[in-house]
């Protein structure tokens, strides 16, 4: 986290050097950065951050520990994504939930285990 692009470069250099000291290497293709601010700066939308030999891509959103984080910190995007995931899970289990042989208790356990956990945890 940094307040300016220069400070971000400085922090990135520290991270790269710390990783090298313990024998790790940064994967530039998998490493991205995101700018969080109130107003979008014109001309900086697709900026690439260059630090030493690395080029890091700027993104508008990314998924962290199952939660969608956006540049404007919009919660409605995360809610829509979870509803969509829950719908996929539910409609994938509709045949199983319609069987009359299965008890209501077992159907409730299926719901709690499969569907509710997708909504709650992504």
C-alpha atoms as a PDB file:
ATOM      1  CA  UNK A   1       0.000   0.000   0.000  1.00  0.00           C
ATOM      2  CA  UNK A   2       1.285   3.419  -0.915  1.00  0.00           C
ATOM      3  CA  UNK A   3       0.063   6.980  -1.301  1.00  0.00           C
ATOM      4  CA  UNK A   4       1.865   7.690  -4.586  1.00  0.00           C
ATOM      5  CA  UNK A   5       3.316   5.851  -7.568  1.00  0.00           C
ATOM      6  CA  UNK A   6       6.877   6.600  -6.395  1.00  0.00           C
ATOM      7  CA  UNK A   7       6.175   5.160  -2.957  1.00  0.00           C
ATOM      8  CA  UNK A   8       4.579   2.120  -4.600  1.00  0.00           C
ATOM      9  CA  UNK A   9       7.738   1.570  -6.654  1.00  0.00           C
ATOM     10  CA  UNK A  10       9.832   1.881  -3.498  1.00  0.00           C
ATOM     11  CA  UNK A  11       7.636  -0.636  -1.632  1.00  0.00           C
ATOM     12  CA  UNK A  12       7.764  -2.987  -4.622  1.00  0.00           C
ATOM     13  CA  UNK A  13      11.575  -2.839  -4.685  1.00  0.00           C
ATOM     14  CA  UNK A  14      11.643  -3.724  -0.983  1.00  0.00           C
ATOM     15  CA  UNK A  15       9.327  -6.683  -1.623  1.00  0.00           C
ATOM     16  CA  UNK A  16      11.422  -7.902  -4.579  1.00  0.00           C
ATOM     17  CA  UNK A  17      14.652  -7.655  -2.562  1.00  0.00           C
ATOM     18  CA  UNK A  18      13.135  -9.380   0.477  1.00  0.00           C
ATOM     19  CA  UNK A  19      11.875 -12.193  -1.753  1.00  0.00           C
ATOM     20  CA  UNK A  20      15.323 -12.598  -3.352  1.00  0.00           C
ATOM     21  CA  UNK A  21      16.983 -12.831   0.077  1.00  0.00           C
ATOM     22  CA  UNK A  22      14.913 -15.910   0.940  1.00  0.00           C
ATOM     23  CA  UNK A  23      15.228 -17.484  -2.509  1.00  0.00           C
ATOM     24  CA  UNK A  24      11.881 -16.447  -3.979  1.00  0.00           C
ATOM     25  CA  UNK A  25      11.194 -14.663  -7.228  1.00  0.00           C
ATOM     26  CA  UNK A  26       8.228 -12.448  -8.083  1.00  0.00           C
ATOM     27  CA  UNK A  27       6.086 -13.698 -10.977  1.00  0.00           C
ATOM     28  CA  UNK A  28       5.349 -10.509 -12.946  1.00  0.00           C
ATOM     29  CA  UNK A  29       2.586 -12.195 -14.962  1.00  0.00           C
ATOM     30  CA  UNK A  30       0.640 -13.035 -11.806  1.00  0.00           C
ATOM     31  CA  UNK A  31       1.419  -9.820  -9.921  1.00  0.00           C
ATOM     32  CA  UNK A  32      -1.020  -6.953 -10.404  1.00  0.00           C
ATOM     33  CA  UNK A  33      -1.734  -3.666  -8.722  1.00  0.00           C
ATOM     34  CA  UNK A  34      -4.869  -1.612  -8.232  1.00  0.00           C
ATOM     35  CA  UNK A  35      -5.350   2.094  -7.549  1.00  0.00           C
ATOM     36  CA  UNK A  36      -8.092   2.955  -5.080  1.00  0.00           C
ATOM     37  CA  UNK A  37      -9.162   6.597  -5.121  1.00  0.00           C
ATOM     38  CA  UNK A  38     -12.270   8.719  -5.194  1.00  0.00           C
ATOM     39  CA  UNK A  39     -11.894  10.065  -8.731  1.00  0.00           C
ATOM     40  CA  UNK A  40     -10.341   8.289 -11.719  1.00  0.00           C
ATOM     41  CA  UNK A  41      -7.262  10.051 -13.063  1.00  0.00           C
ATOM     42  CA  UNK A  42      -7.511  10.600 -16.810  1.00  0.00           C
ATOM     43  CA  UNK A  43      -4.764   8.877 -18.764  1.00  0.00           C
ATOM     44  CA  UNK A  44      -3.776   6.416 -16.040  1.00  0.00           C
ATOM     45  CA  UNK A  45      -6.364   3.749 -16.711  1.00  0.00           C
ATOM     46  CA  UNK A  46      -4.123   1.036 -18.207  1.00  0.00           C
ATOM     47  CA  UNK A  47      -0.810   2.111 -16.724  1.00  0.00           C
ATOM     48  CA  UNK A  48       1.944  -0.437 -16.246  1.00  0.00           C
ATOM     49  CA  UNK A  49       4.139  -0.143 -13.169  1.00  0.00           C
ATOM     50  CA  UNK A  50       7.790  -0.801 -14.015  1.00  0.00           C
ATOM     51  CA  UNK A  51      10.072  -1.767 -11.140  1.00  0.00           C
ATOM     52  CA  UNK A  52      13.587  -3.007 -11.959  1.00  0.00           C
ATOM     53  CA  UNK A  53      13.086  -5.721 -14.620  1.00  0.00           C
ATOM     54  CA  UNK A  54       9.434  -6.278 -13.726  1.00  0.00           C
ATOM     55  CA  UNK A  55       6.274  -4.883 -15.307  1.00  0.00           C
ATOM     56  CA  UNK A  56       3.111  -5.068 -13.221  1.00  0.00           C
ATOM     57  CA  UNK A  57      -0.309  -4.699 -14.831  1.00  0.00           C
ATOM     58  CA  UNK A  58      -2.936  -2.375 -13.367  1.00  0.00           C
ATOM     59  CA  UNK A  59      -6.375  -3.905 -12.801  1.00  0.00           C
ATOM     60  CA  UNK A  60      -9.832  -2.517 -12.007  1.00  0.00           C
ATOM     61  CA  UNK A  61     -10.776  -5.455  -9.761  1.00  0.00           C
ATOM     62  CA  UNK A  62      -9.406  -8.716  -8.387  1.00  0.00           C
ATOM     63  CA  UNK A  63     -10.464 -11.626  -6.224  1.00  0.00           C
ATOM     64  CA  UNK A  64      -8.791 -11.962  -2.822  1.00  0.00           C
ATOM     65  CA  UNK A  65      -9.650 -14.867  -0.520  1.00  0.00           C
ATOM     66  CA  UNK A  66     -12.921 -15.395  -2.387  1.00  0.00           C
ATOM     67  CA  UNK A  67     -14.013 -11.756  -2.182  1.00  0.00           C
ATOM     68  CA  UNK A  68     -14.190  -9.482  -5.213  1.00  0.00           C
ATOM     69  CA  UNK A  69     -12.401  -6.189  -4.525  1.00  0.00           C
ATOM     70  CA  UNK A  70     -13.033  -3.315  -6.925  1.00  0.00           C
ATOM     71  CA  UNK A  71     -11.279  -0.022  -7.538  1.00  0.00           C
ATOM     72  CA  UNK A  72     -14.234   1.981  -6.190  1.00  0.00           C
ATOM     73  CA  UNK A  73     -14.819  -0.541  -3.364  1.00  0.00           C
ATOM     74  CA  UNK A  74     -18.272  -1.370  -4.731  1.00  0.00           C
ATOM     75  CA  UNK A  75     -20.039  -3.969  -2.628  1.00  0.00           C
ATOM     76  CA  UNK A  76     -22.846  -4.478  -5.161  1.00  0.00           C
ATOM     77  CA  UNK A  77     -20.401  -6.143  -7.582  1.00  0.00           C
ATOM     78  CA  UNK A  78     -19.445  -8.638  -4.870  1.00  0.00           C
ATOM     79  CA  UNK A  79     -23.097  -9.283  -3.986  1.00  0.00           C
ATOM     80  CA  UNK A  80     -24.014  -9.912  -7.643  1.00  0.00           C
ATOM     81  CA  UNK A  81     -21.072 -12.311  -8.030  1.00  0.00           C
ATOM     82  CA  UNK A  82     -22.117 -14.279  -4.927  1.00  0.00           C
ATOM     83  CA  UNK A  83     -25.756 -14.453  -6.036  1.00  0.00           C
ATOM     84  CA  UNK A  84     -24.661 -15.721  -9.435  1.00  0.00           C
ATOM     85  CA  UNK A  85     -22.408 -18.368  -7.828  1.00  0.00           C
ATOM     86  CA  UNK A  86     -25.224 -19.440  -5.489  1.00  0.00           C
ATOM     87  CA  UNK A  87     -27.666 -19.708  -8.407  1.00  0.00           C
ATOM     88  CA  UNK A  88     -25.230 -21.947 -10.285  1.00  0.00           C
ATOM     89  CA  UNK A  89     -24.819 -24.116  -7.214  1.00  0.00           C
ATOM     90  CA  UNK A  90     -28.570 -24.287  -6.525  1.00  0.00           C
ATOM     91  CA  UNK A  91     -29.586 -25.104 -10.089  1.00  0.00           C
ATOM     92  CA  UNK A  92     -26.851 -27.734 -10.185  1.00  0.00           C
ATOM     93  CA  UNK A  93     -28.513 -29.449  -7.205  1.00  0.00           C
ATOM     94  CA  UNK A  94     -32.197 -29.074  -8.196  1.00  0.00           C
ATOM     95  CA  UNK A  95     -32.563 -32.703  -9.328  1.00  0.00           C
ATOM     96  CA  UNK A  96     -31.160 -33.906  -6.028  1.00  0.00           C
ATOM     97  CA  UNK A  97     -33.361 -31.548  -4.006  1.00  0.00           C
ATOM     98  CA  UNK A  98     -36.512 -32.645  -5.886  1.00  0.00           C
ATOM     99  CA  UNK A  99     -36.178 -36.339  -5.019  1.00  0.00           C
ATOM    100  CA  UNK A 100     -39.054 -37.267  -2.726  1.00  0.00           C
ATOM    101  CA  UNK A 101     -37.058 -40.157  -1.293  1.00  0.00           C
ATOM    102  CA  UNK A 102     -34.635 -37.741   0.373  1.00  0.00           C
ATOM    103  CA  UNK A 103     -35.811 -36.436   3.742  1.00  0.00           C
ATOM    104  CA  UNK A 104     -36.285 -32.736   4.479  1.00  0.00           C
ATOM    105  CA  UNK A 105     -33.511 -32.975   7.063  1.00  0.00           C
ATOM    106  CA  UNK A 106     -31.036 -34.268   4.465  1.00  0.00           C
ATOM    107  CA  UNK A 107     -32.160 -31.613   1.963  1.00  0.00           C
ATOM    108  CA  UNK A 108     -31.565 -28.990   4.641  1.00  0.00           C
ATOM    109  CA  UNK A 109     -28.052 -30.345   5.234  1.00  0.00           C
ATOM    110  CA  UNK A 110     -27.361 -30.259   1.488  1.00  0.00           C
ATOM    111  CA  UNK A 111     -28.542 -26.648   1.386  1.00  0.00           C
ATOM    112  CA  UNK A 112     -26.429 -25.663   4.415  1.00  0.00           C
ATOM    113  CA  UNK A 113     -23.321 -27.435   3.125  1.00  0.00           C
ATOM    114  CA  UNK A 114     -23.376 -26.595  -0.570  1.00  0.00           C
ATOM    115  CA  UNK A 115     -25.514 -23.565  -1.285  1.00  0.00           C
ATOM    116  CA  UNK A 116     -25.337 -21.447   1.868  1.00  0.00           C
ATOM    117  CA  UNK A 117     -21.551 -21.783   2.104  1.00  0.00           C
ATOM    118  CA  UNK A 118     -21.187 -20.499  -1.481  1.00  0.00           C
ATOM    119  CA  UNK A 119     -23.280 -17.427  -0.636  1.00  0.00           C
ATOM    120  CA  UNK A 120     -21.486 -16.819   2.651  1.00  0.00           C
ATOM    121  CA  UNK A 121     -17.884 -17.471   1.671  1.00  0.00           C
ATOM    122  CA  UNK A 122     -17.874 -17.006  -2.101  1.00  0.00           C
END
